[in-house]
Amino acid sequence: MKKYQPETNAIRIQAEQSSFQEHAVPLYLSSSFTFGDAEEMRATFADEQAGYVYSRYANPNTEELIQKMCVLEGADDGIATASGMAAVFESLAGLLSAGDHIVASRAVFGSTHQILTQILTRWGIKHTYVSGTNIEEWASALTPATKIFLCETPSNPGLDIIDINKLSVLSKAHNIILNIDNCFATPYIQQPIPLGADLVTHSATKYIDGQGRVLGGLVLGRQDLIDKIRFFHRHTGPSMSAFNAWILSKSLETLSIRMDKHCSNAMEVANFLGKSNRVKSVIYPHLPSHPQYDIARKQMKMGGGIVSFELEGGISAGKKFLDAVRMFSLTANL
């Protein structure tokens, strides 16, 4: 494959054309696939790379999306899931056993917190929370049972920035898997794998789709890790639908121009809020006032599309602000 810029790869990588020579990749809404004879069927079941068997395992639409995202993230391989939380869950459950230990950044999404505290604990998988921005805390939390470092950068919703390269040095020194949630940045802004991460997860529901239409998730990374997670995925079934994969793959064609505009708008909003005497604080990765500004400038080519801020006046002021909003939707999505 020729080397193009990421935004070009997001357009030009496509599933193989059918005999109809269609320009846009068609939807493959089939639950299963057929075989010419018994030997072809045996060979395909024996080697999952030899062809398609069942859409819970793989489908031309999901495979196209995965191929695009692997190129954008610099990953060996990947898996498409029904939602972002399915991706986070199987990136842990597909690799861990009873007695294993996770060190996680304290700033994680609410459902990730529930997985760590309410679900994995049933299987004897323990965790320790640390301040994600303090590498010394990660080192101090290590135990002989630690298998995974888990963090979001930028975090949801406080926009903490974790130095991926520094954390990867620590993880590699102790043979620990570094698992980064890259949802808030997207591969257009930040690529954790070249910085030293072993796995990257996404809620594709957010910026990958970008238009609030479908749910989806992705786990991308090192081949040996993806192979283990794929076994878990195949037999537990959190698969992305072909339709959602088709939508998300087409959405990647506009990811770069959407993120460019999101980021420039966010910077304007952050600067505007910073000048208001009714705003207590503003958090945006590419504002010089951000505590990890230098790290954000190093590993993110733009500041992202999310601005966090605190109003003077507490919750009542926050409710008044939300009720006065006219341009934005009040909704649980980016």
C-alpha atoms as a PDB file:
ATOM      1  CA  MET A   1       0.000   0.000   0.000  1.00  0.00           C
ATOM      2  CA  LYS A   2       1.269   3.430  -0.911  1.00  0.00           C
ATOM      3  CA  LYS A   3       2.109   5.824   1.900  1.00  0.00           C
ATOM      4  CA  TYR A   4      -0.389   8.649   1.988  1.00  0.00           C
ATOM      5  CA  GLN A   5      -1.280  11.237   4.592  1.00  0.00           C
ATOM      6  CA  PRO A   6      -3.725   9.897   7.224  1.00  0.00           C
ATOM      7  CA  GLU A   7      -6.658  11.869   5.872  1.00  0.00           C
ATOM      8  CA  THR A   8      -6.054  10.319   2.430  1.00  0.00           C
ATOM      9  CA  ASN A   9      -5.799   6.795   3.852  1.00  0.00           C
ATOM     10  CA  ALA A  10      -9.142   7.346   5.577  1.00  0.00           C
ATOM     11  CA  ILE A  11     -10.680   7.749   2.104  1.00  0.00           C
ATOM     12  CA  ARG A  12      -8.668   5.453  -0.156  1.00  0.00           C
ATOM     13  CA  ILE A  13      -8.566   2.302   1.977  1.00  0.00           C
ATOM     14  CA  GLN A  14     -11.651   0.356   0.936  1.00  0.00           C
ATOM     15  CA  ALA A  15     -12.932  -3.202   0.898  1.00  0.00           C
ATOM     16  CA  GLU A  16     -12.313  -5.095  -2.322  1.00  0.00           C
ATOM     17  CA  GLN A  17     -14.783  -4.264  -5.087  1.00  0.00           C
ATOM     18  CA  SER A  18     -17.385  -6.845  -6.037  1.00  0.00           C
ATOM     19  CA  SER A  19     -18.061  -7.897  -9.632  1.00  0.00           C
ATOM     20  CA  PHE A  20     -20.347  -4.859  -9.906  1.00  0.00           C
ATOM     21  CA  GLN A  21     -17.321  -2.500  -9.555  1.00  0.00           C
ATOM     22  CA  GLU A  22     -19.169  -0.155  -7.224  1.00  0.00           C
ATOM     23  CA  HIS A  23     -17.482   3.117  -6.268  1.00  0.00           C
ATOM     24  CA  ALA A  24     -18.881   3.251  -2.721  1.00  0.00           C
ATOM     25  CA  VAL A  25     -18.372   0.112  -0.656  1.00  0.00           C
ATOM     26  CA  PRO A  26     -21.707  -1.717  -0.301  1.00  0.00           C
ATOM     27  CA  LEU A  27     -23.340  -2.869   2.910  1.00  0.00           C
ATOM     28  CA  TYR A  28     -22.777  -6.547   3.655  1.00  0.00           C
ATOM     29  CA  LEU A  29     -25.912  -7.251   5.706  1.00  0.00           C
ATOM     30  CA  SER A  30     -25.361 -10.974   5.909  1.00  0.00           C
ATOM     31  CA  SER A  31     -25.164 -12.957   9.129  1.00  0.00           C
ATOM     32  CA  SER A  32     -23.070 -15.693   7.492  1.00  0.00           C
ATOM     33  CA  PHE A  33     -21.101 -16.514   4.341  1.00  0.00           C
ATOM     34  CA  THR A  34     -21.148 -19.531   2.021  1.00  0.00           C
ATOM     35  CA  PHE A  35     -18.468 -21.968   0.846  1.00  0.00           C
ATOM     36  CA  GLY A  36     -17.898 -23.646  -2.495  1.00  0.00           C
ATOM     37  CA  ASP A  37     -17.312 -27.077  -1.019  1.00  0.00           C
ATOM     38  CA  ALA A  38     -16.580 -28.929   2.203  1.00  0.00           C
ATOM     39  CA  GLU A  39     -12.807 -28.502   1.945  1.00  0.00           C
ATOM     40  CA  GLU A  40     -13.073 -24.729   1.498  1.00  0.00           C
ATOM     41  CA  MET A  41     -15.342 -24.622   4.538  1.00  0.00           C
ATOM     42  CA  ARG A  42     -12.893 -26.687   6.603  1.00  0.00           C
ATOM     43  CA  ALA A  43      -9.941 -24.528   5.563  1.00  0.00           C
ATOM     44  CA  THR A  44     -11.772 -21.281   6.350  1.00  0.00           C
ATOM     45  CA  PHE A  45     -12.820 -22.477   9.793  1.00  0.00           C
ATOM     46  CA  ALA A  46      -9.244 -23.595  10.459  1.00  0.00           C
ATOM     47  CA  ASP A  47      -7.741 -20.248   9.412  1.00  0.00           C
ATOM     48  CA  GLU A  48      -9.883 -17.205  10.157  1.00  0.00           C
ATOM     49  CA  GLN A  49      -7.732 -15.112   7.806  1.00  0.00           C
ATOM     50  CA  ALA A  50      -8.702 -17.323   4.855  1.00  0.00           C
ATOM     51  CA  GLY A  51     -12.189 -15.842   4.454  1.00  0.00           C
ATOM     52  CA  TYR A  52     -15.440 -14.859   6.097  1.00  0.00           C
ATOM     53  CA  VAL A  53     -17.473 -17.322   8.141  1.00  0.00           C
ATOM     54  CA  TYR A  54     -19.938 -15.447  10.341  1.00  0.00           C
ATOM     55  CA  SER A  55     -20.453 -11.715  10.912  1.00  0.00           C
ATOM     56  CA  ARG A  56     -20.011 -12.105  14.685  1.00  0.00           C
ATOM     57  CA  TYR A  57     -16.387 -13.005  13.836  1.00  0.00           C
ATOM     58  CA  ALA A  58     -15.713 -10.670  10.892  1.00  0.00           C
ATOM     59  CA  ASN A  59     -17.505  -8.895   8.070  1.00  0.00           C
ATOM     60  CA  PRO A  60     -16.200  -6.920   5.040  1.00  0.00           C
ATOM     61  CA  ASN A  61     -17.577  -3.682   6.499  1.00  0.00           C
ATOM     62  CA  THR A  62     -16.044  -4.113   9.947  1.00  0.00           C
ATOM     63  CA  GLU A  63     -12.758  -5.234   8.424  1.00  0.00           C
ATOM     64  CA  GLU A  64     -12.563  -2.110   6.245  1.00  0.00           C
ATOM     65  CA  LEU A  65     -13.116   0.111   9.302  1.00  0.00           C
ATOM     66  CA  ILE A  66     -10.471  -1.792  11.271  1.00  0.00           C
ATOM     67  CA  GLN A  67      -7.951  -1.552   8.440  1.00  0.00           C
ATOM     68  CA  LYS A  68      -8.425   2.202   8.210  1.00  0.00           C
ATOM     69  CA  MET A  69      -8.122   2.710  11.950  1.00  0.00           C
ATOM     70  CA  CYS A  70      -5.005   0.537  12.163  1.00  0.00           C
ATOM     71  CA  VAL A  71      -3.287   2.693   9.563  1.00  0.00           C
ATOM     72  CA  LEU A  72      -4.391   5.898  11.306  1.00  0.00           C
ATOM     73  CA  GLU A  73      -3.239   4.676  14.750  1.00  0.00           C
ATOM     74  CA  GLY A  74      -0.126   2.773  13.643  1.00  0.00           C
ATOM     75  CA  ALA A  75      -1.541  -0.495  15.033  1.00  0.00           C
ATOM     76  CA  ASP A  76      -0.867  -4.062  13.920  1.00  0.00           C
ATOM     77  CA  ASP A  77      -4.492  -5.181  14.090  1.00  0.00           C
ATOM     78  CA  GLY A  78      -7.808  -4.390  15.711  1.00  0.00           C
ATOM     79  CA  ILE A  79     -11.341  -5.388  16.628  1.00  0.00           C
ATOM     80  CA  ALA A  80     -14.613  -3.494  16.104  1.00  0.00           C
ATOM     81  CA  THR A  81     -17.147  -3.652  18.945  1.00  0.00           C
ATOM     82  CA  ALA A  82     -20.779  -2.734  19.497  1.00  0.00           C
ATOM     83  CA  SER A  83     -19.915   0.274  21.689  1.00  0.00           C
ATOM     84  CA  GLY A  84     -16.998   2.098  23.237  1.00  0.00           C
ATOM     85  CA  MET A  85     -17.576   0.415  26.591  1.00  0.00           C
ATOM     86  CA  ALA A  86     -17.525  -3.008  24.948  1.00  0.00           C
ATOM     87  CA  ALA A  87     -14.080  -2.055  23.595  1.00  0.00           C
ATOM     88  CA  VAL A  88     -12.831  -0.957  27.029  1.00  0.00           C
ATOM     89  CA  PHE A  89     -14.238  -4.071  28.702  1.00  0.00           C
ATOM     90  CA  GLU A  90     -12.790  -6.607  26.298  1.00  0.00           C
ATOM     91  CA  SER A  91      -9.414  -4.823  26.219  1.00  0.00           C
ATOM     92  CA  LEU A  92      -9.255  -5.801  29.918  1.00  0.00           C
ATOM     93  CA  ALA A  93     -11.302  -8.980  30.240  1.00  0.00           C
ATOM     94  CA  GLY A  94      -9.722 -10.545  27.161  1.00  0.00           C
ATOM     95  CA  LEU A  95      -6.249 -10.337  28.733  1.00  0.00           C
ATOM     96  CA  LEU A  96      -6.688 -10.688  32.508  1.00  0.00           C
ATOM     97  CA  SER A  97      -7.198 -13.601  34.878  1.00  0.00           C
ATOM     98  CA  ALA A  98      -8.173 -13.945  38.542  1.00  0.00           C
ATOM     99  CA  GLY A  99      -5.464 -12.480  40.744  1.00  0.00           C
ATOM    100  CA  ASP A 100      -4.234  -9.968  38.174  1.00  0.00           C
ATOM    101  CA  HIS A 101      -3.939  -6.261  38.994  1.00  0.00           C
ATOM    102  CA  ILE A 102      -4.635  -3.049  37.062  1.00  0.00           C
ATOM    103  CA  VAL A 103      -3.174   0.376  37.785  1.00  0.00           C
ATOM    104  CA  ALA A 104      -5.561   3.021  36.440  1.00  0.00           C
ATOM    105  CA  SER A 105      -5.671   6.762  36.291  1.00  0.00           C
ATOM    106  CA  ARG A 106      -8.171   8.154  38.786  1.00  0.00           C
ATOM    107  CA  ALA A 107      -9.690  10.273  35.995  1.00  0.00           C
ATOM    108  CA  VAL A 108     -11.614   7.660  34.021  1.00  0.00           C
ATOM    109  CA  PHE A 109     -15.076   7.600  32.477  1.00  0.00           C
ATOM    110  CA  GLY A 110     -17.892   6.595  34.821  1.00  0.00           C
ATOM    111  CA  SER A 111     -18.638   3.250  33.167  1.00  0.00           C
ATOM    112  CA  THR A 112     -14.935   2.370  33.136  1.00  0.00           C
ATOM    113  CA  HIS A 113     -14.952   3.009  36.882  1.00  0.00           C
ATOM    114  CA  GLN A 114     -17.915   0.627  37.250  1.00  0.00           C
ATOM    115  CA  ILE A 115     -16.099  -2.096  35.273  1.00  0.00           C
ATOM    116  CA  LEU A 116     -13.062  -1.768  37.536  1.00  0.00           C
ATOM    117  CA  THR A 117     -14.936  -1.573  40.833  1.00  0.00           C
ATOM    118  CA  GLN A 118     -18.101  -3.632  40.313  1.00  0.00           C
ATOM    119  CA  ILE A 119     -17.477  -6.186  37.540  1.00  0.00           C
ATOM    120  CA  LEU A 120     -13.821  -7.240  37.337  1.00  0.00           C
ATOM    121  CA  THR A 121     -13.673  -7.495  41.125  1.00  0.00           C
ATOM    122  CA  ARG A 122     -16.156 -10.409  40.924  1.00  0.00           C
ATOM    123  CA  TRP A 123     -13.439 -12.341  39.086  1.00  0.00           C
ATOM    124  CA  GLY A 124     -10.713 -11.511  41.577  1.00  0.00           C
ATOM    125  CA  ILE A 125      -9.124  -8.844  39.376  1.00  0.00           C
ATOM    126  CA  LYS A 126      -7.939  -5.955  41.531  1.00  0.00           C
ATOM    127  CA  HIS A 127      -7.106  -2.337  40.723  1.00  0.00           C
ATOM    128  CA  THR A 128      -5.356   0.680  42.186  1.00  0.00           C
ATOM    129  CA  TYR A 129      -6.198   4.262  41.258  1.00  0.00           C
ATOM    130  CA  VAL A 130      -3.412   6.832  40.921  1.00  0.00           C
ATOM    131  CA  SER A 131      -3.076  10.434  39.885  1.00  0.00           C
ATOM    132  CA  GLY A 132      -2.516   9.880  36.176  1.00  0.00           C
ATOM    133  CA  THR A 133      -0.251  12.871  35.737  1.00  0.00           C
ATOM    134  CA  ASN A 134       2.166  11.724  38.455  1.00  0.00           C
ATOM    135  CA  ILE A 135       4.428   8.998  37.029  1.00  0.00           C
ATOM    136  CA  GLU A 136       5.861   8.322  40.505  1.00  0.00           C
ATOM    137  CA  GLU A 137       2.413   7.249  41.700  1.00  0.00           C
ATOM    138  CA  TRP A 138       2.178   4.720  38.862  1.00  0.00           C
ATOM    139  CA  ALA A 139       5.545   3.286  39.895  1.00  0.00           C
ATOM    140  CA  SER A 140       4.569   3.134  43.572  1.00  0.00           C
ATOM    141  CA  ALA A 141       1.321   1.291  42.781  1.00  0.00           C
ATOM    142  CA  LEU A 142       3.072  -1.577  40.985  1.00  0.00           C
ATOM    143  CA  THR A 143       2.737  -5.086  42.402  1.00  0.00           C
ATOM    144  CA  PRO A 144       4.035  -8.435  41.084  1.00  0.00           C
ATOM    145  CA  ALA A 145       0.464  -9.072  39.839  1.00  0.00           C
ATOM    146  CA  THR A 146       0.178  -5.827  37.818  1.00  0.00           C
ATOM    147  CA  LYS A 147      -0.618  -6.617  34.179  1.00  0.00           C
ATOM    148  CA  ILE A 148      -2.159  -3.433  32.726  1.00  0.00           C
ATOM    149  CA  PHE A 149      -1.783   0.337  32.980  1.00  0.00           C
ATOM    150  CA  LEU A 150      -5.084   1.976  31.987  1.00  0.00           C
ATOM    151  CA  CYS A 151      -5.686   5.664  31.323  1.00  0.00           C
ATOM    152  CA  GLU A 152      -7.480   8.265  29.241  1.00  0.00           C
ATOM    153  CA  THR A 153      -5.595  11.202  27.792  1.00  0.00           C
ATOM    154  CA  PRO A 154      -7.174  13.705  27.501  1.00  0.00           C
ATOM    155  CA  SER A 155      -9.389  12.409  30.315  1.00  0.00           C
ATOM    156  CA  ASN A 156     -13.176  12.642  30.383  1.00  0.00           C
ATOM    157  CA  PRO A 157     -14.246  15.277  31.392  1.00  0.00           C
ATOM    158  CA  GLY A 158     -11.428  17.040  33.268  1.00  0.00           C
ATOM    159  CA  LEU A 159      -8.952  16.937  30.360  1.00  0.00           C
ATOM    160  CA  ASP A 160      -5.973  15.642  32.332  1.00  0.00           C
ATOM    161  CA  ILE A 161      -3.017  15.010  30.026  1.00  0.00           C
ATOM    162  CA  ILE A 162      -0.790  12.015  30.745  1.00  0.00           C
ATOM    163  CA  ASP A 163       2.720  11.788  29.334  1.00  0.00           C
ATOM    164  CA  ILE A 164       2.314   8.643  27.215  1.00  0.00           C
ATOM    165  CA  ASN A 165       5.994   8.315  26.414  1.00  0.00           C
ATOM    166  CA  LYS A 166       7.087   8.507  30.065  1.00  0.00           C
ATOM    167  CA  LEU A 167       4.401   6.052  31.140  1.00  0.00           C
ATOM    168  CA  SER A 168       5.426   3.667  28.355  1.00  0.00           C
ATOM    169  CA  VAL A 169       9.023   3.668  29.585  1.00  0.00           C
ATOM    170  CA  LEU A 170       7.777   2.544  33.005  1.00  0.00           C
ATOM    171  CA  SER A 171       5.391  -0.046  31.560  1.00  0.00           C
ATOM    172  CA  LYS A 172       8.031  -1.613  29.315  1.00  0.00           C
ATOM    173  CA  ALA A 173      10.544  -1.789  32.168  1.00  0.00           C
ATOM    174  CA  HIS A 174       8.069  -3.989  34.084  1.00  0.00           C
ATOM    175  CA  ASN A 175       6.509  -5.859  31.122  1.00  0.00           C
ATOM    176  CA  ILE A 176       3.123  -4.207  31.652  1.00  0.00           C
ATOM    177  CA  ILE A 177       0.550  -3.574  28.918  1.00  0.00           C
ATOM    178  CA  LEU A 178      -0.120   0.144  28.403  1.00  0.00           C
ATOM    179  CA  ASN A 179      -3.768   0.632  27.410  1.00  0.00           C
ATOM    180  CA  ILE A 180      -4.740   4.178  26.317  1.00  0.00           C
ATOM    181  CA  ASP A 181      -8.264   5.461  25.694  1.00  0.00           C
ATOM    182  CA  ASN A 182      -7.757   7.844  22.755  1.00  0.00           C
ATOM    183  CA  CYS A 183     -11.418   8.777  22.299  1.00  0.00           C
ATOM    184  CA  PHE A 184     -11.124  12.493  23.099  1.00  0.00           C
ATOM    185  CA  ALA A 185      -8.172  13.067  20.773  1.00  0.00           C
ATOM    186  CA  THR A 186      -8.779  10.691  17.820  1.00  0.00           C
ATOM    187  CA  PRO A 187      -5.818   9.401  15.783  1.00  0.00           C
ATOM    188  CA  TYR A 188      -5.884  12.607  13.755  1.00  0.00           C
ATOM    189  CA  ILE A 189      -4.676  14.590  16.791  1.00  0.00           C
ATOM    190  CA  GLN A 190      -2.753  11.985  18.811  1.00  0.00           C
ATOM    191  CA  GLN A 191      -1.237   8.560  18.122  1.00  0.00           C
ATOM    192  CA  PRO A 192      -0.470   6.738  21.397  1.00  0.00           C
ATOM    193  CA  ILE A 193       1.074   3.640  19.780  1.00  0.00           C
ATOM    194  CA  PRO A 194       4.085   5.421  18.224  1.00  0.00           C
ATOM    195  CA  LEU A 195       4.496   7.078  21.655  1.00  0.00           C
ATOM    196  CA  GLY A 196       4.802   3.651  23.300  1.00  0.00           C
ATOM    197  CA  ALA A 197       1.257   2.387  24.002  1.00  0.00           C
ATOM    198  CA  ASP A 198       0.448  -1.294  23.419  1.00  0.00           C
ATOM    199  CA  LEU A 199      -3.323  -0.914  23.047  1.00  0.00           C
ATOM    200  CA  VAL A 200      -5.641   1.934  22.072  1.00  0.00           C
ATOM    201  CA  THR A 201      -9.400   1.982  22.635  1.00  0.00           C
ATOM    202  CA  HIS A 202     -12.044   4.234  21.125  1.00  0.00           C
ATOM    203  CA  SER A 203     -15.677   5.001  21.562  1.00  0.00           C
ATOM    204  CA  ALA A 204     -16.318   5.411  17.842  1.00  0.00           C
ATOM    205  CA  THR A 205     -19.728   6.781  18.845  1.00  0.00           C
ATOM    206  CA  LYS A 206     -18.005  10.092  19.526  1.00  0.00           C
ATOM    207  CA  TYR A 207     -15.708  11.822  17.006  1.00  0.00           C
ATOM    208  CA  ILE A 208     -15.227   8.834  14.677  1.00  0.00           C
ATOM    209  CA  ASP A 209     -18.928   9.053  13.790  1.00  0.00           C
ATOM    210  CA  GLY A 210     -19.124  12.733  14.661  1.00  0.00           C
ATOM    211  CA  GLN A 211     -22.822  13.115  13.860  1.00  0.00           C
ATOM    212  CA  GLY A 212     -24.632  11.276  16.631  1.00  0.00           C
ATOM    213  CA  ARG A 213     -25.973   8.427  14.478  1.00  0.00           C
ATOM    214  CA  VAL A 214     -24.531   5.108  15.630  1.00  0.00           C
ATOM    215  CA  LEU A 215     -22.761   3.323  18.487  1.00  0.00           C
ATOM    216  CA  GLY A 216     -19.400   1.628  18.063  1.00  0.00           C
ATOM    217  CA  GLY A 217     -16.036   0.905  19.637  1.00  0.00           C
ATOM    218  CA  LEU A 218     -12.544  -0.184  18.613  1.00  0.00           C
ATOM    219  CA  VAL A 219      -9.600  -1.941  20.215  1.00  0.00           C
ATOM    220  CA  LEU A 220      -6.338  -1.541  18.296  1.00  0.00           C
ATOM    221  CA  GLY A 221      -2.763  -2.490  18.992  1.00  0.00           C
ATOM    222  CA  ARG A 222      -0.077  -5.143  19.153  1.00  0.00           C
ATOM    223  CA  GLN A 223      -0.795  -8.335  17.225  1.00  0.00           C
ATOM    224  CA  ASP A 224      -0.238 -10.784  20.095  1.00  0.00           C
ATOM    225  CA  LEU A 225      -2.589  -8.823  22.349  1.00  0.00           C
ATOM    226  CA  ILE A 226      -5.284  -8.438  19.701  1.00  0.00           C
ATOM    227  CA  ASP A 227      -5.138 -12.193  19.018  1.00  0.00           C
ATOM    228  CA  LYS A 228      -5.942 -12.907  22.682  1.00  0.00           C
ATOM    229  CA  ILE A 229      -8.709 -10.306  22.805  1.00  0.00           C
ATOM    230  CA  ARG A 230     -10.158 -11.639  19.533  1.00  0.00           C
ATOM    231  CA  PHE A 231     -10.691 -15.082  21.105  1.00  0.00           C
ATOM    232  CA  PHE A 232     -12.687 -13.422  23.907  1.00  0.00           C
ATOM    233  CA  HIS A 233     -14.553 -11.290  21.353  1.00  0.00           C
ATOM    234  CA  ARG A 234     -15.498 -14.195  19.056  1.00  0.00           C
ATOM    235  CA  HIS A 235     -16.983 -16.264  21.844  1.00  0.00           C
ATOM    236  CA  THR A 236     -18.723 -13.561  23.860  1.00  0.00           C
ATOM    237  CA  GLY A 237     -20.159 -11.612  20.931  1.00  0.00           C
ATOM    238  CA  PRO A 238     -19.859  -7.817  21.505  1.00  0.00           C
ATOM    239  CA  SER A 239     -19.626  -7.357  17.719  1.00  0.00           C
ATOM    240  CA  MET A 240     -20.193  -4.192  15.723  1.00  0.00           C
ATOM    241  CA  SER A 241     -22.974  -4.391  13.150  1.00  0.00           C
ATOM    242  CA  ALA A 242     -22.087  -4.164   9.466  1.00  0.00           C
ATOM    243  CA  PHE A 243     -24.332  -1.109   9.117  1.00  0.00           C
ATOM    244  CA  ASN A 244     -22.604   0.787  11.940  1.00  0.00           C
ATOM    245  CA  ALA A 245     -19.183  -0.141  10.533  1.00  0.00           C
ATOM    246  CA  TRP A 246     -20.229   1.154   7.103  1.00  0.00           C
ATOM    247  CA  ILE A 247     -21.364   4.467   8.648  1.00  0.00           C
ATOM    248  CA  LEU A 248     -18.191   4.833  10.712  1.00  0.00           C
ATOM    249  CA  SER A 249     -15.876   3.999   7.821  1.00  0.00           C
ATOM    250  CA  LYS A 250     -17.500   6.688   5.685  1.00  0.00           C
ATOM    251  CA  SER A 251     -17.286   9.106   8.628  1.00  0.00           C
ATOM    252  CA  LEU A 252     -13.500   8.691   8.716  1.00  0.00           C
ATOM    253  CA  GLU A 253     -13.367  10.369   5.307  1.00  0.00           C
ATOM    254  CA  THR A 254     -14.264  13.680   6.977  1.00  0.00           C
ATOM    255  CA  LEU A 255     -12.508  13.161  10.328  1.00  0.00           C
ATOM    256  CA  SER A 256      -9.618  15.503   9.566  1.00  0.00           C
ATOM    257  CA  ILE A 257     -11.698  18.483   8.429  1.00  0.00           C
ATOM    258  CA  ARG A 258     -14.176  17.988  11.278  1.00  0.00           C
ATOM    259  CA  MET A 259     -11.433  17.853  13.911  1.00  0.00           C
ATOM    260  CA  ASP A 260      -9.671  20.888  12.440  1.00  0.00           C
ATOM    261  CA  LYS A 261     -12.879  22.886  12.910  1.00  0.00           C
ATOM    262  CA  HIS A 262     -13.719  21.380  16.307  1.00  0.00           C
ATOM    263  CA  CYS A 263     -10.280  22.361  17.585  1.00  0.00           C
ATOM    264  CA  SER A 264     -10.259  25.889  16.203  1.00  0.00           C
ATOM    265  CA  ASN A 265     -13.767  26.503  17.580  1.00  0.00           C
ATOM    266  CA  ALA A 266     -12.808  25.046  20.968  1.00  0.00           C
ATOM    267  CA  MET A 267      -9.778  27.334  21.209  1.00  0.00           C
ATOM    268  CA  GLU A 268     -11.968  30.366  20.503  1.00  0.00           C
ATOM    269  CA  VAL A 269     -14.502  29.274  23.118  1.00  0.00           C
ATOM    270  CA  ALA A 270     -11.757  28.615  25.691  1.00  0.00           C
ATOM    271  CA  ASN A 271     -10.225  32.048  25.122  1.00  0.00           C
ATOM    272  CA  PHE A 272     -13.642  33.730  25.336  1.00  0.00           C
ATOM    273  CA  LEU A 273     -14.540  31.957  28.603  1.00  0.00           C
ATOM    274  CA  GLY A 274     -11.161  32.814  30.072  1.00  0.00           C
ATOM    275  CA  LYS A 275     -11.979  36.523  29.780  1.00  0.00           C
ATOM    276  CA  SER A 276     -15.312  36.293  31.630  1.00  0.00           C
ATOM    277  CA  ASN A 277     -15.513  37.281  35.293  1.00  0.00           C
ATOM    278  CA  ARG A 278     -18.386  34.795  35.682  1.00  0.00           C
ATOM    279  CA  VAL A 279     -16.099  31.851  34.873  1.00  0.00           C
ATOM    280  CA  LYS A 280     -14.037  30.461  37.748  1.00  0.00           C
ATOM    281  CA  SER A 281     -11.662  28.329  35.646  1.00  0.00           C
ATOM    282  CA  VAL A 282     -11.189  27.052  32.099  1.00  0.00           C
ATOM    283  CA  ILE A 283      -9.455  23.811  31.156  1.00  0.00           C
ATOM    284  CA  TYR A 284      -8.262  23.252  27.599  1.00  0.00           C
ATOM    285  CA  PRO A 285      -5.111  21.267  26.672  1.00  0.00           C
ATOM    286  CA  HIS A 286      -3.616  23.915  24.392  1.00  0.00           C
ATOM    287  CA  LEU A 287      -4.198  26.853  26.726  1.00  0.00           C
ATOM    288  CA  PRO A 288      -0.913  27.895  28.416  1.00  0.00           C
ATOM    289  CA  SER A 289      -2.791  27.826  31.740  1.00  0.00           C
ATOM    290  CA  HIS A 290      -3.382  24.052  31.471  1.00  0.00           C
ATOM    291  CA  PRO A 291      -1.233  22.213  34.083  1.00  0.00           C
ATOM    292  CA  GLN A 292       0.098  19.795  31.444  1.00  0.00           C
ATOM    293  CA  TYR A 293       0.274  22.317  28.589  1.00  0.00           C
ATOM    294  CA  ASP A 294       3.835  21.358  27.560  1.00  0.00           C
ATOM    295  CA  ILE A 295       2.947  17.656  27.388  1.00  0.00           C
ATOM    296  CA  ALA A 296      -0.224  18.394  25.428  1.00  0.00           C
ATOM    297  CA  ARG A 297       1.737  20.466  22.903  1.00  0.00           C
ATOM    298  CA  LYS A 298       4.254  17.623  22.575  1.00  0.00           C
ATOM    299  CA  GLN A 299       1.863  14.733  21.972  1.00  0.00           C
ATOM    300  CA  MET A 300      -1.278  16.412  20.563  1.00  0.00           C
ATOM    301  CA  LYS A 301      -1.029  18.409  17.343  1.00  0.00           C
ATOM    302  CA  MET A 302      -4.188  20.344  18.355  1.00  0.00           C
ATOM    303  CA  GLY A 303      -6.047  20.786  21.631  1.00  0.00           C
ATOM    304  CA  GLY A 304      -9.153  18.749  20.809  1.00  0.00           C
ATOM    305  CA  GLY A 305     -12.800  19.707  20.665  1.00  0.00           C
ATOM    306  CA  ILE A 306     -13.670  19.636  24.378  1.00  0.00           C
ATOM    307  CA  VAL A 307     -13.512  22.619  26.735  1.00  0.00           C
ATOM    308  CA  SER A 308     -14.162  22.140  30.461  1.00  0.00           C
ATOM    309  CA  PHE A 309     -14.967  25.103  32.671  1.00  0.00           C
ATOM    310  CA  GLU A 310     -16.361  25.981  36.092  1.00  0.00           C
ATOM    311  CA  LEU A 311     -18.759  28.843  36.636  1.00  0.00           C
ATOM    312  CA  GLU A 312     -18.854  31.135  39.626  1.00  0.00           C
ATOM    313  CA  GLY A 313     -21.980  30.294  41.607  1.00  0.00           C
ATOM    314  CA  GLY A 314     -21.842  26.502  41.686  1.00  0.00           C
ATOM    315  CA  ILE A 315     -24.622  24.135  40.607  1.00  0.00           C
ATOM    316  CA  SER A 316     -27.377  26.755  40.430  1.00  0.00           C
ATOM    317  CA  ALA A 317     -25.263  28.847  38.055  1.00  0.00           C
ATOM    318  CA  GLY A 318     -24.543  25.732  36.012  1.00  0.00           C
ATOM    319  CA  LYS A 319     -28.246  24.906  35.639  1.00  0.00           C
ATOM    320  CA  LYS A 320     -29.012  28.496  34.656  1.00  0.00           C
ATOM    321  CA  PHE A 321     -26.257  28.366  32.035  1.00  0.00           C
ATOM    322  CA  LEU A 322     -27.483  25.074  30.557  1.00  0.00           C
ATOM    323  CA  ASP A 323     -31.078  26.309  30.396  1.00  0.00           C
ATOM    324  CA  ALA A 324     -29.903  29.415  28.536  1.00  0.00           C
ATOM    325  CA  VAL A 325     -27.933  27.506  25.883  1.00  0.00           C
ATOM    326  CA  ARG A 326     -29.465  27.807  22.409  1.00  0.00           C
ATOM    327  CA  MET A 327     -26.868  26.580  19.916  1.00  0.00           C
ATOM    328  CA  PHE A 328     -25.696  23.357  21.605  1.00  0.00           C
ATOM    329  CA  SER A 329     -27.818  20.297  22.282  1.00  0.00           C
ATOM    330  CA  LEU A 330     -28.069  19.060  25.869  1.00  0.00           C
ATOM    331  CA  THR A 331     -27.125  15.456  25.154  1.00  0.00           C
ATOM    332  CA  ALA A 332     -24.800  12.695  26.358  1.00  0.00           C
ATOM    333  CA  ASN A 333     -22.440  12.653  23.392  1.00  0.00           C
ATOM    334  CA  LEU A 334     -19.607  14.792  22.032  1.00  0.00           C
END
